[in-house]
Amino acid sequence: MRFEETREGDYRIFVGAMDAPRGSGYIAALIVNHVGGTIGRQNEAYRDESLACGYRWPSPDEAISYAMTRARELIRSRSQMLAC
């Protein structure tokens, strides 16, 4: 199991690569929190604990990379919807 965390504007991204159940490989997971105006206050904006329908990535680095890319895409699409 491996996890990473980063901040992207008003969002905090948590991604993980977890051992796939019943087989080899790693599944990707992510949580995106929106950091509100109150310090320390976060609202979960998105969560997926089995990205790409549970696809098994051959390495934890690939699973982490996919999850981080997907999280950033979600943030960009949400930001574009709010700007309209």
Protein backbone atom coordinates (compact mmCIF):
# COMPACT_ATOMS: atom_id res chain seq x y z
CA MET A 1 0.00 0.00 0.00
CA ARG A 2 1.27 3.46 -0.86
CA PHE A 3 -0.32 6.89 -0.49
CA GLU A 4 0.46 10.42 -1.64
CA GLU A 5 -1.10 13.78 -0.91
CA THR A 6 -0.92 17.17 -2.60
CA ARG A 7 -2.75 20.46 -2.81
CA GLU A 8 -4.21 21.87 -6.02
CA GLY A 9 -5.69 25.35 -5.52
CA ASP A 10 -8.63 25.05 -3.10
CA TYR A 11 -8.48 21.25 -3.18
CA ARG A 12 -6.53 18.63 -1.28
CA ILE A 13 -5.87 15.41 -3.14
CA PHE A 14 -5.21 12.06 -1.48
CA VAL A 15 -4.33 9.16 -3.79
CA GLY A 16 -3.39 5.60 -3.08
CA ALA A 17 -2.19 2.36 -4.62
CA MET A 18 -3.52 -0.66 -2.78
CA ASP A 19 -2.80 -4.35 -3.27
CA ALA A 20 -5.46 -5.76 -5.55
CA PRO A 21 -7.76 -8.27 -3.89
CA ARG A 22 -7.59 -11.86 -5.18
CA GLY A 23 -4.58 -11.39 -7.45
CA SER A 24 -1.51 -9.44 -8.33
CA GLY A 25 -1.25 -5.76 -9.11
CA TYR A 26 -2.49 -2.54 -7.51
CA ILE A 27 -5.78 -0.69 -7.63
CA ALA A 28 -5.90 3.10 -7.60
CA ALA A 29 -8.01 5.17 -5.20
CA LEU A 30 -8.55 8.87 -4.63
CA ILE A 31 -10.23 11.37 -2.36
CA VAL A 32 -10.58 15.05 -3.28
CA ASN A 33 -11.47 17.49 -0.50
CA HIS A 34 -12.50 21.08 -1.04
CA VAL A 35 -10.83 23.32 1.52
CA GLY A 36 -13.36 25.94 2.56
CA GLY A 37 -13.00 29.42 4.02
CA THR A 38 -12.83 28.23 7.63
CA ILE A 39 -9.33 27.09 8.49
CA GLY A 40 -9.18 23.34 8.82
CA ARG A 41 -12.66 22.89 7.31
CA GLN A 42 -12.75 20.42 4.42
CA ASN A 43 -15.67 18.99 2.48
CA GLU A 44 -15.26 15.80 0.53
CA ALA A 45 -15.85 16.64 -3.13
CA TYR A 46 -15.14 13.23 -4.65
CA ARG A 47 -14.12 9.73 -3.61
CA ASP A 48 -13.44 6.61 -5.62
CA GLU A 49 -11.84 3.64 -3.93
CA SER A 50 -11.56 1.53 -7.08
CA LEU A 51 -10.71 3.77 -10.04
CA ALA A 52 -11.07 2.48 -13.60
CA CYS A 53 -13.52 -0.18 -12.36
CA GLY A 54 -10.82 -1.83 -10.28
CA TYR A 55 -8.25 -2.14 -13.07
CA ARG A 56 -5.06 -3.76 -11.78
CA TRP A 57 -2.02 -1.62 -12.41
CA PRO A 58 1.29 -3.51 -12.61
CA SER A 59 3.08 -1.14 -10.21
CA PRO A 60 2.09 1.23 -7.39
CA ASP A 61 3.71 4.12 -9.28
CA GLU A 62 1.38 3.59 -12.24
CA ALA A 63 -1.67 3.41 -9.99
CA ILE A 64 -0.63 6.59 -8.15
CA SER A 65 0.05 8.42 -11.41
CA TYR A 66 -3.36 7.47 -12.84
CA ALA A 67 -5.18 8.50 -9.66
CA MET A 68 -3.39 11.87 -9.50
CA THR A 69 -4.15 12.58 -13.17
CA ARG A 70 -7.80 11.67 -12.66
CA ALA A 71 -8.07 13.87 -9.55
CA ARG A 72 -6.65 16.87 -11.42
CA GLU A 73 -9.09 16.28 -14.30
CA LEU A 74 -11.99 16.24 -11.84
CA ILE A 75 -10.84 19.50 -10.27
CA ARG A 76 -10.44 21.18 -13.67
CA SER A 77 -13.87 20.07 -14.87
CA ARG A 78 -15.51 21.18 -11.62
CA SER A 79 -13.77 24.57 -11.81
CA GLN A 80 -14.95 25.06 -15.41
CA MET A 81 -18.55 24.24 -14.45
CA LEU A 82 -18.46 26.82 -11.63
CA ALA A 83 -16.98 29.50 -13.92
CA CYS A 84 -19.95 29.35 -16.34
